Amino acid sequence: MNINIVEQLKNKLGEIDGLAQEEAYSAKYQIWNKTTSRLLAEVLDEEMQGVFTGILVVSSYRSAGDAQRMYLNHLKKKKEALQGLIDYLKSS
């Protein structure tokens, strides 16, 4: 296990609350998502990476309010998945 990557993933976990203040699926979110996925790819096989990357984005909404609610729900799922993967890495 690479302790440095686990620390970087913990930092990424801490950034999620700030992303909730951003516009849904903003460039900042996209950069966060891609860099987090790359870190996970360094320490996990494809199947385990899928716990994080497999969380789907809903792309059609009835209103801007719906879009924001779905985004916040998406972030919550990403946060739970990332925490679970960090716990997995720390235990292995």
N, C-alpha and C. Protein backbone atom coordinates (compact mmCIF):
# COMPACT_ATOMS: atom_id res chain seq x y z
N MET A 1 0.85 -1.18 0.00
CA MET A 1 0.00 0.00 0.00
C MET A 1 0.89 1.24 0.00
N ASN A 2 0.54 2.20 -0.82
CA ASN A 2 1.28 3.45 -0.90
C ASN A 2 0.64 4.46 0.05
N ILE A 3 1.30 4.73 1.17
CA ILE A 3 0.75 5.63 2.19
C ILE A 3 0.55 7.03 1.63
N ASN A 4 1.46 7.49 0.76
CA ASN A 4 1.35 8.81 0.16
C ASN A 4 0.05 8.94 -0.64
N ILE A 5 -0.30 7.91 -1.39
CA ILE A 5 -1.53 7.97 -2.19
C ILE A 5 -2.75 7.97 -1.28
N VAL A 6 -2.71 7.19 -0.21
CA VAL A 6 -3.84 7.19 0.73
C VAL A 6 -4.03 8.60 1.30
N GLU A 7 -2.93 9.26 1.63
CA GLU A 7 -3.03 10.64 2.15
C GLU A 7 -3.61 11.58 1.09
N GLN A 8 -3.19 11.40 -0.15
CA GLN A 8 -3.72 12.22 -1.24
C GLN A 8 -5.22 11.96 -1.42
N LEU A 9 -5.63 10.70 -1.29
CA LEU A 9 -7.05 10.37 -1.41
C LEU A 9 -7.85 10.97 -0.26
N LYS A 10 -7.26 10.98 0.93
CA LYS A 10 -7.93 11.63 2.07
C LYS A 10 -8.12 13.12 1.79
N ASN A 11 -7.12 13.75 1.18
CA ASN A 11 -7.25 15.16 0.81
C ASN A 11 -8.37 15.35 -0.20
N LYS A 12 -8.46 14.44 -1.17
CA LYS A 12 -9.54 14.50 -2.16
C LYS A 12 -10.90 14.36 -1.49
N LEU A 13 -10.98 13.50 -0.49
CA LEU A 13 -12.21 13.32 0.26
C LEU A 13 -12.61 14.63 0.94
N GLY A 14 -11.63 15.32 1.48
CA GLY A 14 -11.88 16.59 2.14
C GLY A 14 -12.32 17.70 1.20
N GLU A 15 -12.07 17.56 -0.08
CA GLU A 15 -12.45 18.57 -1.06
C GLU A 15 -13.92 18.48 -1.48
N ILE A 16 -14.58 17.39 -1.16
CA ILE A 16 -15.95 17.16 -1.64
C ILE A 16 -16.92 18.22 -1.14
N ASP A 17 -16.81 18.61 0.12
CA ASP A 17 -17.75 19.62 0.64
C ASP A 17 -17.65 20.93 -0.14
N GLY A 18 -16.44 21.30 -0.54
CA GLY A 18 -16.27 22.50 -1.35
C GLY A 18 -16.88 22.35 -2.73
N LEU A 19 -16.81 21.14 -3.28
CA LEU A 19 -17.41 20.90 -4.60
C LEU A 19 -18.93 21.04 -4.55
N ALA A 20 -19.52 20.77 -3.40
CA ALA A 20 -20.97 20.90 -3.26
C ALA A 20 -21.42 22.35 -3.42
N GLN A 21 -20.50 23.29 -3.25
CA GLN A 21 -20.82 24.71 -3.40
C GLN A 21 -20.70 25.18 -4.84
N GLU A 22 -20.13 24.34 -5.67
CA GLU A 22 -19.92 24.68 -7.08
C GLU A 22 -21.16 24.37 -7.91
N GLU A 23 -21.19 24.92 -9.12
CA GLU A 23 -22.23 24.59 -10.08
C GLU A 23 -22.13 23.10 -10.40
N ALA A 24 -23.25 22.45 -10.63
CA ALA A 24 -23.28 21.02 -10.90
C ALA A 24 -22.33 20.66 -12.04
N TYR A 25 -21.46 19.69 -11.77
CA TYR A 25 -20.53 19.13 -12.75
C TYR A 25 -19.65 20.19 -13.41
N SER A 26 -19.23 21.16 -12.61
CA SER A 26 -18.35 22.24 -13.08
C SER A 26 -17.00 21.68 -13.50
N ALA A 27 -16.19 22.54 -14.10
CA ALA A 27 -14.83 22.14 -14.48
C ALA A 27 -14.04 21.72 -13.24
N LYS A 28 -14.25 22.40 -12.13
CA LYS A 28 -13.56 22.05 -10.89
C LYS A 28 -13.92 20.62 -10.47
N TYR A 29 -15.20 20.27 -10.58
CA TYR A 29 -15.63 18.90 -10.26
C TYR A 29 -14.98 17.91 -11.22
N GLN A 30 -14.99 18.21 -12.50
CA GLN A 30 -14.44 17.29 -13.49
C GLN A 30 -12.95 17.04 -13.26
N ILE A 31 -12.21 18.09 -12.93
CA ILE A 31 -10.78 17.93 -12.63
C ILE A 31 -10.60 17.08 -11.38
N TRP A 32 -11.40 17.36 -10.34
CA TRP A 32 -11.33 16.58 -9.11
C TRP A 32 -11.61 15.10 -9.40
N ASN A 33 -12.64 14.83 -10.17
CA ASN A 33 -13.04 13.46 -10.47
C ASN A 33 -11.94 12.72 -11.24
N LYS A 34 -11.38 13.38 -12.24
CA LYS A 34 -10.33 12.73 -13.05
C LYS A 34 -9.06 12.50 -12.24
N THR A 35 -8.65 13.47 -11.45
CA THR A 35 -7.43 13.29 -10.67
C THR A 35 -7.62 12.24 -9.57
N THR A 36 -8.80 12.19 -8.99
CA THR A 36 -9.09 11.16 -7.98
C THR A 36 -9.08 9.78 -8.63
N SER A 37 -9.68 9.66 -9.80
CA SER A 37 -9.70 8.38 -10.52
C SER A 37 -8.28 7.92 -10.85
N ARG A 38 -7.42 8.85 -11.23
CA ARG A 38 -6.03 8.50 -11.55
C ARG A 38 -5.28 7.99 -10.32
N LEU A 39 -5.52 8.63 -9.18
CA LEU A 39 -4.89 8.16 -7.94
C LEU A 39 -5.35 6.74 -7.61
N LEU A 40 -6.64 6.50 -7.74
CA LEU A 40 -7.17 5.17 -7.46
C LEU A 40 -6.58 4.13 -8.41
N ALA A 41 -6.36 4.51 -9.67
CA ALA A 41 -5.80 3.59 -10.66
C ALA A 41 -4.37 3.17 -10.30
N GLU A 42 -3.69 3.98 -9.52
CA GLU A 42 -2.32 3.64 -9.13
C GLU A 42 -2.27 2.53 -8.09
N VAL A 43 -3.36 2.35 -7.34
CA VAL A 43 -3.31 1.40 -6.23
C VAL A 43 -4.38 0.32 -6.26
N LEU A 44 -5.32 0.40 -7.20
CA LEU A 44 -6.42 -0.56 -7.26
C LEU A 44 -6.55 -1.17 -8.65
N ASP A 45 -7.05 -2.40 -8.70
CA ASP A 45 -7.33 -3.00 -10.00
C ASP A 45 -8.62 -2.39 -10.57
N GLU A 46 -8.91 -2.71 -11.81
CA GLU A 46 -10.07 -2.10 -12.49
C GLU A 46 -11.39 -2.37 -11.77
N GLU A 47 -11.54 -3.57 -11.26
CA GLU A 47 -12.78 -3.92 -10.58
C GLU A 47 -13.00 -3.03 -9.35
N MET A 48 -11.97 -2.85 -8.56
CA MET A 48 -12.09 -2.00 -7.37
C MET A 48 -12.23 -0.53 -7.75
N GLN A 49 -11.57 -0.09 -8.81
CA GLN A 49 -11.73 1.29 -9.27
C GLN A 49 -13.19 1.56 -9.63
N GLY A 50 -13.87 0.53 -10.14
CA GLY A 50 -15.26 0.66 -10.56
C GLY A 50 -16.20 1.06 -9.44
N VAL A 51 -15.81 0.80 -8.20
CA VAL A 51 -16.62 1.24 -7.06
C VAL A 51 -16.78 2.75 -7.11
N PHE A 52 -15.73 3.45 -7.52
CA PHE A 52 -15.74 4.92 -7.62
C PHE A 52 -16.20 5.39 -8.99
N THR A 53 -15.60 4.83 -10.02
CA THR A 53 -15.87 5.32 -11.39
C THR A 53 -17.22 4.87 -11.92
N GLY A 54 -17.78 3.83 -11.32
CA GLY A 54 -19.05 3.30 -11.80
C GLY A 54 -20.28 4.07 -11.34
N ILE A 55 -20.09 5.11 -10.55
CA ILE A 55 -21.22 5.92 -10.11
C ILE A 55 -21.63 6.82 -11.27
N LEU A 56 -22.81 6.56 -11.79
CA LEU A 56 -23.24 7.22 -13.03
C LEU A 56 -23.76 8.63 -12.80
N VAL A 57 -23.59 9.44 -13.82
CA VAL A 57 -24.09 10.81 -13.83
C VAL A 57 -25.42 10.83 -14.56
N VAL A 58 -26.44 11.40 -13.93
CA VAL A 58 -27.73 11.58 -14.60
C VAL A 58 -27.63 12.85 -15.43
N SER A 59 -27.99 12.77 -16.70
CA SER A 59 -27.73 13.91 -17.58
C SER A 59 -28.97 14.67 -18.03
N SER A 60 -30.15 14.27 -17.61
CA SER A 60 -31.33 15.05 -17.99
C SER A 60 -32.11 15.39 -16.72
N TYR A 61 -32.53 16.65 -16.65
CA TYR A 61 -33.20 17.15 -15.46
C TYR A 61 -34.40 17.99 -15.88
N ARG A 62 -35.38 18.05 -14.99
CA ARG A 62 -36.55 18.88 -15.27
C ARG A 62 -36.30 20.35 -14.98
N SER A 63 -35.40 20.62 -14.05
CA SER A 63 -35.14 22.01 -13.68
C SER A 63 -33.72 22.14 -13.13
N ALA A 64 -33.28 23.38 -12.97
CA ALA A 64 -31.96 23.63 -12.39
C ALA A 64 -31.91 23.11 -10.96
N GLY A 65 -33.01 23.22 -10.24
CA GLY A 65 -33.08 22.70 -8.87
C GLY A 65 -32.90 21.20 -8.83
N ASP A 66 -33.53 20.51 -9.78
CA ASP A 66 -33.37 19.06 -9.89
C ASP A 66 -31.92 18.71 -10.19
N ALA A 67 -31.31 19.47 -11.08
CA ALA A 67 -29.92 19.22 -11.45
C ALA A 67 -29.02 19.35 -10.23
N GLN A 68 -29.22 20.37 -9.42
CA GLN A 68 -28.38 20.58 -8.24
C GLN A 68 -28.61 19.47 -7.21
N ARG A 69 -29.86 19.07 -7.01
CA ARG A 69 -30.15 17.99 -6.07
C ARG A 69 -29.50 16.68 -6.52
N MET A 70 -29.57 16.38 -7.80
CA MET A 70 -28.96 15.16 -8.32
C MET A 70 -27.43 15.23 -8.19
N TYR A 71 -26.87 16.40 -8.42
CA TYR A 71 -25.43 16.60 -8.27
C TYR A 71 -25.01 16.35 -6.82
N LEU A 72 -25.73 16.90 -5.88
CA LEU A 72 -25.40 16.71 -4.47
C LEU A 72 -25.52 15.24 -4.08
N ASN A 73 -26.53 14.56 -4.60
CA ASN A 73 -26.67 13.13 -4.35
C ASN A 73 -25.49 12.36 -4.96
N HIS A 74 -25.09 12.76 -6.15
CA HIS A 74 -23.94 12.14 -6.83
C HIS A 74 -22.67 12.33 -5.99
N LEU A 75 -22.46 13.55 -5.48
CA LEU A 75 -21.29 13.81 -4.64
C LEU A 75 -21.32 12.95 -3.38
N LYS A 76 -22.50 12.79 -2.80
CA LYS A 76 -22.64 11.96 -1.60
C LYS A 76 -22.21 10.52 -1.90
N LYS A 77 -22.63 10.00 -3.04
CA LYS A 77 -22.25 8.63 -3.43
C LYS A 77 -20.75 8.53 -3.68
N LYS A 78 -20.18 9.55 -4.32
CA LYS A 78 -18.74 9.56 -4.57
C LYS A 78 -17.97 9.58 -3.25
N LYS A 79 -18.45 10.39 -2.31
CA LYS A 79 -17.81 10.50 -1.00
C LYS A 79 -17.84 9.16 -0.27
N GLU A 80 -19.00 8.51 -0.27
CA GLU A 80 -19.13 7.22 0.40
C GLU A 80 -18.22 6.17 -0.25
N ALA A 81 -18.18 6.16 -1.57
CA ALA A 81 -17.33 5.21 -2.29
C ALA A 81 -15.85 5.46 -1.99
N LEU A 82 -15.45 6.73 -2.03
CA LEU A 82 -14.05 7.06 -1.78
C LEU A 82 -13.66 6.71 -0.35
N GLN A 83 -14.52 6.99 0.61
CA GLN A 83 -14.22 6.63 2.00
C GLN A 83 -14.08 5.12 2.14
N GLY A 84 -14.97 4.38 1.51
CA GLY A 84 -14.88 2.92 1.56
C GLY A 84 -13.59 2.40 0.95
N LEU A 85 -13.17 2.99 -0.16
CA LEU A 85 -11.93 2.56 -0.80
C LEU A 85 -10.70 2.93 0.03
N ILE A 86 -10.73 4.09 0.66
CA ILE A 86 -9.63 4.47 1.55
C ILE A 86 -9.54 3.48 2.71
N ASP A 87 -10.68 3.15 3.29
CA ASP A 87 -10.69 2.17 4.40
C ASP A 87 -10.14 0.82 3.92
N TYR A 88 -10.54 0.41 2.71
CA TYR A 88 -10.05 -0.84 2.14
C TYR A 88 -8.52 -0.81 1.98
N LEU A 89 -8.02 0.30 1.44
CA LEU A 89 -6.56 0.42 1.24
C LEU A 89 -5.81 0.41 2.57
N LYS A 90 -6.36 1.06 3.57
CA LYS A 90 -5.69 1.10 4.87
C LYS A 90 -5.67 -0.26 5.53
N SER A 91 -6.67 -1.10 5.26
CA SER A 91 -6.74 -2.41 5.89
C SER A 91 -5.96 -3.49 5.14
N SER A 92 -5.55 -3.17 3.91
CA SER A 92 -4.85 -4.22 3.14
C SER A 92 -3.35 -4.06 3.17
